[in-house]
Amino acid sequence: MLDPNIAREILKLLDFDGSGTVKTSDLHKAFMGTGLSEADVNNFIRKHDKGNKGEVNLEELTAMLNNVHRKTSSVSMGKRSI
């Protein structure tokens, strides 16, 4: 589980307009190079952007990052076991 302080710091880094939220377009940029496909990123955003606002707040971002961590950890573990 992601430390809430780390989630706040990530939000601050990605909150370019100071609104207290992260735009989904900025999330796409942030996830580039993580090994997640664009479809995976879109699915995470769809799942966590409550109300389809085009942005996520701290609570939504924290849940998303926890899910991303679980997915990327299981992918990495799967690769090691082959």
PDB file of N, CA and C in Angstrom:
ATOM      1  N   MET A   1       0.841  -1.179   0.000  1.00  0.00           N
ATOM      2  CA  MET A   1       0.000   0.000   0.000  1.00  0.00           C
ATOM      3  C   MET A   1       0.887   1.243   0.000  1.00  0.00           C
ATOM      4  N   LEU A   2       0.508   2.206  -0.807  1.00  0.00           N
ATOM      5  CA  LEU A   2       1.282   3.432  -0.970  1.00  0.00           C
ATOM      6  C   LEU A   2       1.163   4.333   0.256  1.00  0.00           C
ATOM      7  N   ASP A   3       2.300   4.816   0.715  1.00  0.00           N
ATOM      8  CA  ASP A   3       2.332   5.762   1.829  1.00  0.00           C
ATOM      9  C   ASP A   3       1.576   7.030   1.415  1.00  0.00           C
ATOM     10  N   PRO A   4       0.638   7.502   2.230  1.00  0.00           N
ATOM     11  CA  PRO A   4      -0.142   8.701   1.880  1.00  0.00           C
ATOM     12  C   PRO A   4       0.720   9.936   1.617  1.00  0.00           C
ATOM     13  N   ASN A   5       1.853  10.046   2.304  1.00  0.00           N
ATOM     14  CA  ASN A   5       2.747  11.189   2.073  1.00  0.00           C
ATOM     15  C   ASN A   5       3.368  11.134   0.686  1.00  0.00           C
ATOM     16  N   ILE A   6       3.689   9.936   0.231  1.00  0.00           N
ATOM     17  CA  ILE A   6       4.244   9.780  -1.113  1.00  0.00           C
ATOM     18  C   ILE A   6       3.181  10.128  -2.147  1.00  0.00           C
ATOM     19  N   ALA A   7       1.960   9.681  -1.929  1.00  0.00           N
ATOM     20  CA  ALA A   7       0.867  10.003  -2.853  1.00  0.00           C
ATOM     21  C   ALA A   7       0.680  11.513  -2.949  1.00  0.00           C
ATOM     22  N   ARG A   8       0.761  12.213  -1.806  1.00  0.00           N
ATOM     23  CA  ARG A   8       0.625  13.679  -1.822  1.00  0.00           C
ATOM     24  C   ARG A   8       1.748  14.329  -2.627  1.00  0.00           C
ATOM     25  N   GLU A   9       2.954  13.811  -2.463  1.00  0.00           N
ATOM     26  CA  GLU A   9       4.095  14.359  -3.198  1.00  0.00           C
ATOM     27  C   GLU A   9       3.941  14.122  -4.703  1.00  0.00           C
ATOM     28  N   ILE A  10       3.470  12.945  -5.070  1.00  0.00           N
ATOM     29  CA  ILE A  10       3.240  12.650  -6.489  1.00  0.00           C
ATOM     30  C   ILE A  10       2.176  13.587  -7.040  1.00  0.00           C
ATOM     31  N   LEU A  11       1.116  13.801  -6.276  1.00  0.00           N
ATOM     32  CA  LEU A  11       0.070  14.726  -6.714  1.00  0.00           C
ATOM     33  C   LEU A  11       0.656  16.120  -6.931  1.00  0.00           C
ATOM     34  N   LYS A  12       1.474  16.587  -6.000  1.00  0.00           N
ATOM     35  CA  LYS A  12       2.091  17.913  -6.146  1.00  0.00           C
ATOM     36  C   LYS A  12       2.937  17.996  -7.409  1.00  0.00           C
ATOM     37  N   LEU A  13       3.668  16.929  -7.705  1.00  0.00           N
ATOM     38  CA  LEU A  13       4.516  16.917  -8.900  1.00  0.00           C
ATOM     39  C   LEU A  13       3.707  16.968 -10.189  1.00  0.00           C
ATOM     40  N   LEU A  14       2.543  16.334 -10.191  1.00  0.00           N
ATOM     41  CA  LEU A  14       1.742  16.229 -11.411  1.00  0.00           C
ATOM     42  C   LEU A  14       0.636  17.277 -11.502  1.00  0.00           C
ATOM     43  N   ASP A  15       0.425  18.036 -10.443  1.00  0.00           N
ATOM     44  CA  ASP A  15      -0.624  19.064 -10.411  1.00  0.00           C
ATOM     45  C   ASP A  15      -0.056  20.371 -10.958  1.00  0.00           C
ATOM     46  N   PHE A  16      -0.002  20.469 -12.276  1.00  0.00           N
ATOM     47  CA  PHE A  16       0.658  21.600 -12.920  1.00  0.00           C
ATOM     48  C   PHE A  16      -0.094  22.916 -12.772  1.00  0.00           C
ATOM     49  N   ASP A  17      -1.406  22.864 -12.560  1.00  0.00           N
ATOM     50  CA  ASP A  17      -2.171  24.112 -12.463  1.00  0.00           C
ATOM     51  C   ASP A  17      -2.539  24.487 -11.027  1.00  0.00           C
ATOM     52  N   GLY A  18      -2.087  23.697 -10.045  1.00  0.00           N
ATOM     53  CA  GLY A  18      -2.336  24.020  -8.648  1.00  0.00           C
ATOM     54  C   GLY A  18      -3.766  23.800  -8.191  1.00  0.00           C
ATOM     55  N   SER A  19      -4.520  22.990  -8.923  1.00  0.00           N
ATOM     56  CA  SER A  19      -5.938  22.772  -8.617  1.00  0.00           C
ATOM     57  C   SER A  19      -6.181  21.728  -7.528  1.00  0.00           C
ATOM     58  N   GLY A  20      -5.133  20.980  -7.162  1.00  0.00           N
ATOM     59  CA  GLY A  20      -5.315  19.900  -6.195  1.00  0.00           C
ATOM     60  C   GLY A  20      -5.723  18.596  -6.851  1.00  0.00           C
ATOM     61  N   THR A  21      -5.726  18.584  -8.179  1.00  0.00           N
ATOM     62  CA  THR A  21      -6.048  17.383  -8.948  1.00  0.00           C
ATOM     63  C   THR A  21      -5.008  17.207 -10.050  1.00  0.00           C
ATOM     64  N   VAL A  22      -5.022  16.026 -10.663  1.00  0.00           N
ATOM     65  CA  VAL A  22      -4.137  15.742 -11.789  1.00  0.00           C
ATOM     66  C   VAL A  22      -5.009  15.461 -13.005  1.00  0.00           C
ATOM     67  N   LYS A  23      -4.749  16.161 -14.073  1.00  0.00           N
ATOM     68  CA  LYS A  23      -5.500  15.949 -15.309  1.00  0.00           C
ATOM     69  C   LYS A  23      -5.125  14.592 -15.902  1.00  0.00           C
ATOM     70  N   THR A  24      -6.101  13.929 -16.497  1.00  0.00           N
ATOM     71  CA  THR A  24      -5.830  12.604 -17.055  1.00  0.00           C
ATOM     72  C   THR A  24      -4.809  12.687 -18.185  1.00  0.00           C
ATOM     73  N   SER A  25      -4.761  13.796 -18.908  1.00  0.00           N
ATOM     74  CA  SER A  25      -3.753  13.937 -19.967  1.00  0.00           C
ATOM     75  C   SER A  25      -2.349  13.931 -19.364  1.00  0.00           C
ATOM     76  N   ASP A  26      -2.190  14.511 -18.176  1.00  0.00           N
ATOM     77  CA  ASP A  26      -0.892  14.495 -17.504  1.00  0.00           C
ATOM     78  C   ASP A  26      -0.561  13.105 -16.969  1.00  0.00           C
ATOM     79  N   LEU A  27      -1.584  12.340 -16.587  1.00  0.00           N
ATOM     80  CA  LEU A  27      -1.351  10.963 -16.145  1.00  0.00           C
ATOM     81  C   LEU A  27      -0.803  10.119 -17.287  1.00  0.00           C
ATOM     82  N   HIS A  28      -1.330  10.324 -18.491  1.00  0.00           N
ATOM     83  CA  HIS A  28      -0.815   9.585 -19.649  1.00  0.00           C
ATOM     84  C   HIS A  28       0.681   9.845 -19.809  1.00  0.00           C
ATOM     85  N   LYS A  29       1.079  11.101 -19.704  1.00  0.00           N
ATOM     86  CA  LYS A  29       2.498  11.448 -19.834  1.00  0.00           C
ATOM     87  C   LYS A  29       3.314  10.813 -18.707  1.00  0.00           C
ATOM     88  N   ALA A  30       2.771  10.839 -17.493  1.00  0.00           N
ATOM     89  CA  ALA A  30       3.489  10.311 -16.334  1.00  0.00           C
ATOM     90  C   ALA A  30       3.722   8.805 -16.436  1.00  0.00           C
ATOM     91  N   PHE A  31       2.791   8.091 -17.055  1.00  0.00           N
ATOM     92  CA  PHE A  31       2.907   6.636 -17.134  1.00  0.00           C
ATOM     93  C   PHE A  31       3.702   6.161 -18.347  1.00  0.00           C
ATOM     94  N   MET A  32       4.115   7.083 -19.225  1.00  0.00           N
ATOM     95  CA  MET A  32       4.934   6.679 -20.366  1.00  0.00           C
ATOM     96  C   MET A  32       6.237   6.080 -19.851  1.00  0.00           C
ATOM     97  N   GLY A  33       6.646   4.985 -20.425  1.00  0.00           N
ATOM     98  CA  GLY A  33       7.895   4.359 -20.027  1.00  0.00           C
ATOM     99  C   GLY A  33       7.793   3.438 -18.825  1.00  0.00           C
ATOM    100  N   THR A  34       6.588   3.198 -18.333  1.00  0.00           N
ATOM    101  CA  THR A  34       6.438   2.325 -17.165  1.00  0.00           C
ATOM    102  C   THR A  34       6.259   0.865 -17.548  1.00  0.00           C
ATOM    103  N   GLY A  35       6.064   0.609 -18.836  1.00  0.00           N
ATOM    104  CA  GLY A  35       5.787  -0.752 -19.265  1.00  0.00           C
ATOM    105  C   GLY A  35       4.307  -1.039 -19.381  1.00  0.00           C
ATOM    106  N   LEU A  36       3.472  -0.090 -18.944  1.00  0.00           N
ATOM    107  CA  LEU A  36       2.027  -0.253 -19.100  1.00  0.00           C
ATOM    108  C   LEU A  36       1.629   0.178 -20.505  1.00  0.00           C
ATOM    109  N   SER A  37       0.711  -0.554 -21.083  1.00  0.00           N
ATOM    110  CA  SER A  37       0.218  -0.172 -22.406  1.00  0.00           C
ATOM    111  C   SER A  37      -0.707   1.030 -22.277  1.00  0.00           C
ATOM    112  N   GLU A  38      -0.957   1.698 -23.386  1.00  0.00           N
ATOM    113  CA  GLU A  38      -1.896   2.824 -23.372  1.00  0.00           C
ATOM    114  C   GLU A  38      -3.277   2.353 -22.940  1.00  0.00           C
ATOM    115  N   ALA A  39      -3.653   1.138 -23.351  1.00  0.00           N
ATOM    116  CA  ALA A  39      -4.949   0.577 -22.946  1.00  0.00           C
ATOM    117  C   ALA A  39      -5.001   0.383 -21.430  1.00  0.00           C
ATOM    118  N   ASP A  40      -3.899  -0.103 -20.833  1.00  0.00           N
ATOM    119  CA  ASP A  40      -3.849  -0.262 -19.373  1.00  0.00           C
ATOM    120  C   ASP A  40      -4.032   1.082 -18.678  1.00  0.00           C
ATOM    121  N   VAL A  41      -3.310   2.090 -19.155  1.00  0.00           N
ATOM    122  CA  VAL A  41      -3.407   3.420 -18.550  1.00  0.00           C
ATOM    123  C   VAL A  41      -4.834   3.944 -18.675  1.00  0.00           C
ATOM    124  N   ASN A  42      -5.429   3.790 -19.857  1.00  0.00           N
ATOM    125  CA  ASN A  42      -6.820   4.229 -20.059  1.00  0.00           C
ATOM    126  C   ASN A  42      -7.766   3.512 -19.104  1.00  0.00           C
ATOM    127  N   ASN A  43      -7.556   2.218 -18.918  1.00  0.00           N
ATOM    128  CA  ASN A  43      -8.411   1.450 -17.996  1.00  0.00           C
ATOM    129  C   ASN A  43      -8.264   1.937 -16.560  1.00  0.00           C
ATOM    130  N   PHE A  44      -7.026   2.194 -16.130  1.00  0.00           N
ATOM    131  CA  PHE A  44      -6.814   2.711 -14.777  1.00  0.00           C
ATOM    132  C   PHE A  44      -7.510   4.059 -14.606  1.00  0.00           C
ATOM    133  N   ILE A  45      -7.375   4.923 -15.597  1.00  0.00           N
ATOM    134  CA  ILE A  45      -8.000   6.245 -15.511  1.00  0.00           C
ATOM    135  C   ILE A  45      -9.515   6.109 -15.472  1.00  0.00           C
ATOM    136  N   ARG A  46     -10.065   5.308 -16.363  1.00  0.00           N
ATOM    137  CA  ARG A  46     -11.525   5.113 -16.390  1.00  0.00           C
ATOM    138  C   ARG A  46     -12.039   4.592 -15.053  1.00  0.00           C
ATOM    139  N   LYS A  47     -11.303   3.661 -14.491  1.00  0.00           N
ATOM    140  CA  LYS A  47     -11.722   3.047 -13.231  1.00  0.00           C
ATOM    141  C   LYS A  47     -11.677   4.039 -12.064  1.00  0.00           C
ATOM    142  N   HIS A  48     -10.713   4.943 -12.076  1.00  0.00           N
ATOM    143  CA  HIS A  48     -10.484   5.796 -10.906  1.00  0.00           C
ATOM    144  C   HIS A  48     -10.957   7.238 -11.059  1.00  0.00           C
ATOM    145  N   ASP A  49     -11.226   7.682 -12.267  1.00  0.00           N
ATOM    146  CA  ASP A  49     -11.729   9.043 -12.478  1.00  0.00           C
ATOM    147  C   ASP A  49     -13.238   9.033 -12.267  1.00  0.00           C
ATOM    148  N   LYS A  50     -13.633   9.107 -11.006  1.00  0.00           N
ATOM    149  CA  LYS A  50     -15.063   9.063 -10.658  1.00  0.00           C
ATOM    150  C   LYS A  50     -15.781  10.241 -11.305  1.00  0.00           C
ATOM    151  N   GLY A  51     -16.853   9.946 -12.007  1.00  0.00           N
ATOM    152  CA  GLY A  51     -17.625  10.995 -12.661  1.00  0.00           C
ATOM    153  C   GLY A  51     -17.054  11.424 -13.997  1.00  0.00           C
ATOM    154  N   ASN A  52     -15.993  10.754 -14.450  1.00  0.00           N
ATOM    155  CA  ASN A  52     -15.392  11.044 -15.750  1.00  0.00           C
ATOM    156  C   ASN A  52     -15.112  12.544 -15.913  1.00  0.00           C
ATOM    157  N   LYS A  53     -14.427  13.127 -14.931  1.00  0.00           N
ATOM    158  CA  LYS A  53     -14.161  14.560 -14.889  1.00  0.00           C
ATOM    159  C   LYS A  53     -12.958  14.978 -15.721  1.00  0.00           C
ATOM    160  N   GLY A  54     -12.145  14.013 -16.111  1.00  0.00           N
ATOM    161  CA  GLY A  54     -10.917  14.351 -16.814  1.00  0.00           C
ATOM    162  C   GLY A  54      -9.776  14.690 -15.868  1.00  0.00           C
ATOM    163  N   GLU A  55      -9.955  14.359 -14.589  1.00  0.00           N
ATOM    164  CA  GLU A  55      -8.929  14.603 -13.582  1.00  0.00           C
ATOM    165  C   GLU A  55      -9.175  13.687 -12.389  1.00  0.00           C
ATOM    166  N   VAL A  56      -8.115  13.476 -11.604  1.00  0.00           N
ATOM    167  CA  VAL A  56      -8.255  12.661 -10.395  1.00  0.00           C
ATOM    168  C   VAL A  56      -7.763  13.462  -9.196  1.00  0.00           C
ATOM    169  N   ASN A  57      -8.426  13.256  -8.061  1.00  0.00           N
ATOM    170  CA  ASN A  57      -8.013  13.913  -6.818  1.00  0.00           C
ATOM    171  C   ASN A  57      -7.047  12.988  -6.072  1.00  0.00           C
ATOM    172  N   LEU A  58      -6.642  13.393  -4.884  1.00  0.00           N
ATOM    173  CA  LEU A  58      -5.666  12.613  -4.115  1.00  0.00           C
ATOM    174  C   LEU A  58      -6.165  11.206  -3.818  1.00  0.00           C
ATOM    175  N   GLU A  59      -7.395  11.083  -3.391  1.00  0.00           N
ATOM    176  CA  GLU A  59      -7.950   9.761  -3.072  1.00  0.00           C
ATOM    177  C   GLU A  59      -7.962   8.859  -4.305  1.00  0.00           C
ATOM    178  N   GLU A  60      -8.405   9.399  -5.434  1.00  0.00           N
ATOM    179  CA  GLU A  60      -8.465   8.614  -6.672  1.00  0.00           C
ATOM    180  C   GLU A  60      -7.064   8.265  -7.159  1.00  0.00           C
ATOM    181  N   LEU A  61      -6.144   9.227  -7.068  1.00  0.00           N
ATOM    182  CA  LEU A  61      -4.768   8.984  -7.491  1.00  0.00           C
ATOM    183  C   LEU A  61      -4.120   7.903  -6.635  1.00  0.00           C
ATOM    184  N   THR A  62      -4.339   7.945  -5.331  1.00  0.00           N
ATOM    185  CA  THR A  62      -3.770   6.942  -4.429  1.00  0.00           C
ATOM    186  C   THR A  62      -4.269   5.549  -4.785  1.00  0.00           C
ATOM    187  N   ALA A  63      -5.566   5.417  -5.002  1.00  0.00           N
ATOM    188  CA  ALA A  63      -6.131   4.115  -5.381  1.00  0.00           C
ATOM    189  C   ALA A  63      -5.550   3.652  -6.713  1.00  0.00           C
ATOM    190  N   MET A  64      -5.414   4.579  -7.665  1.00  0.00           N
ATOM    191  CA  MET A  64      -4.864   4.229  -8.973  1.00  0.00           C
ATOM    192  C   MET A  64      -3.419   3.759  -8.844  1.00  0.00           C
ATOM    193  N   LEU A  65      -2.613   4.485  -8.096  1.00  0.00           N
ATOM    194  CA  LEU A  65      -1.206   4.109  -7.942  1.00  0.00           C
ATOM    195  C   LEU A  65      -1.057   2.765  -7.240  1.00  0.00           C
ATOM    196  N   ASN A  66      -1.911   2.479  -6.278  1.00  0.00           N
ATOM    197  CA  ASN A  66      -1.883   1.158  -5.635  1.00  0.00           C
ATOM    198  C   ASN A  66      -2.199   0.063  -6.644  1.00  0.00           C
ATOM    199  N   ASN A  67      -3.178   0.290  -7.508  1.00  0.00           N
ATOM    200  CA  ASN A  67      -3.524  -0.704  -8.526  1.00  0.00           C
ATOM    201  C   ASN A  67      -2.422  -0.852  -9.564  1.00  0.00           C
ATOM    202  N   VAL A  68      -1.825   0.260  -9.969  1.00  0.00           N
ATOM    203  CA  VAL A  68      -0.715   0.205 -10.923  1.00  0.00           C
ATOM    204  C   VAL A  68       0.436  -0.582 -10.315  1.00  0.00           C
ATOM    205  N   HIS A  69       0.737  -0.324  -9.048  1.00  0.00           N
ATOM    206  CA  HIS A  69       1.823  -1.043  -8.379  1.00  0.00           C
ATOM    207  C   HIS A  69       1.553  -2.550  -8.357  1.00  0.00           C
ATOM    208  N   ARG A  70       0.325  -2.923  -8.026  1.00  0.00           N
ATOM    209  CA  ARG A  70      -0.017  -4.358  -8.013  1.00  0.00           C
ATOM    210  C   ARG A  70       0.153  -4.965  -9.404  1.00  0.00           C
ATOM    211  N   LYS A  71      -0.304  -4.256 -10.429  1.00  0.00           N
ATOM    212  CA  LYS A  71      -0.219  -4.797 -11.789  1.00  0.00           C
ATOM    213  C   LYS A  71       1.234  -4.911 -12.236  1.00  0.00           C
ATOM    214  N   THR A  72       2.021  -3.868 -12.029  1.00  0.00           N
ATOM    215  CA  THR A  72       3.406  -3.917 -12.490  1.00  0.00           C
ATOM    216  C   THR A  72       4.232  -4.891 -11.663  1.00  0.00           C
ATOM    217  N   SER A  73       3.912  -5.064 -10.386  1.00  0.00           N
ATOM    218  CA  SER A  73       4.628  -6.038  -9.558  1.00  0.00           C
ATOM    219  C   SER A  73       4.336  -7.453 -10.018  1.00  0.00           C
ATOM    220  N   SER A  74       3.089  -7.729 -10.356  1.00  0.00           N
ATOM    221  CA  SER A  74       2.748  -9.081 -10.802  1.00  0.00           C
ATOM    222  C   SER A  74       3.344  -9.364 -12.171  1.00  0.00           C
ATOM    223  N   VAL A  75       3.437  -8.348 -13.023  1.00  0.00           N
ATOM    224  CA  VAL A  75       4.067  -8.537 -14.338  1.00  0.00           C
ATOM    225  C   VAL A  75       5.542  -8.827 -14.147  1.00  0.00           C
ATOM    226  N   SER A  76       6.215  -8.068 -13.292  1.00  0.00           N
ATOM    227  CA  SER A  76       7.634  -8.280 -13.044  1.00  0.00           C
ATOM    228  C   SER A  76       7.889  -9.654 -12.449  1.00  0.00           C
ATOM    229  N   MET A  77       7.065 -10.048 -11.501  1.00  0.00           N
ATOM    230  CA  MET A  77       7.236 -11.356 -10.881  1.00  0.00           C
ATOM    231  C   MET A  77       7.018 -12.452 -11.909  1.00  0.00           C
ATOM    232  N   GLY A  78       6.063 -12.267 -12.788  1.00  0.00           N
ATOM    233  CA  GLY A  78       5.806 -13.247 -13.833  1.00  0.00           C
ATOM    234  C   GLY A  78       6.986 -13.389 -14.770  1.00  0.00           C
ATOM    235  N   LYS A  79       7.620 -12.303 -15.109  1.00  0.00           N
ATOM    236  CA  LYS A  79       8.778 -12.345 -15.999  1.00  0.00           C
ATOM    237  C   LYS A  79       9.947 -13.065 -15.337  1.00  0.00           C
ATOM    238  N   ARG A  80      10.127 -12.859 -14.041  1.00  0.00           N
ATOM    239  CA  ARG A  80      11.234 -13.505 -13.339  1.00  0.00           C
ATOM    240  C   ARG A  80      11.060 -15.009 -13.246  1.00  0.00           C
ATOM    241  N   SER A  81       9.824 -15.456 -13.211  1.00  0.00           N
ATOM    242  CA  SER A  81       9.606 -16.883 -13.008  1.00  0.00           C
ATOM    243  C   SER A  81       9.704 -17.684 -14.302  1.00  0.00           C
ATOM    244  N   ILE A  82       9.806 -17.005 -15.430  1.00  0.00           N
ATOM    245  CA  ILE A  82       9.881 -17.726 -16.723  1.00  0.00           C
ATOM    246  C   ILE A  82      11.281 -18.243 -16.945  1.00  0.00           C
TER     247      ILE A  82
END
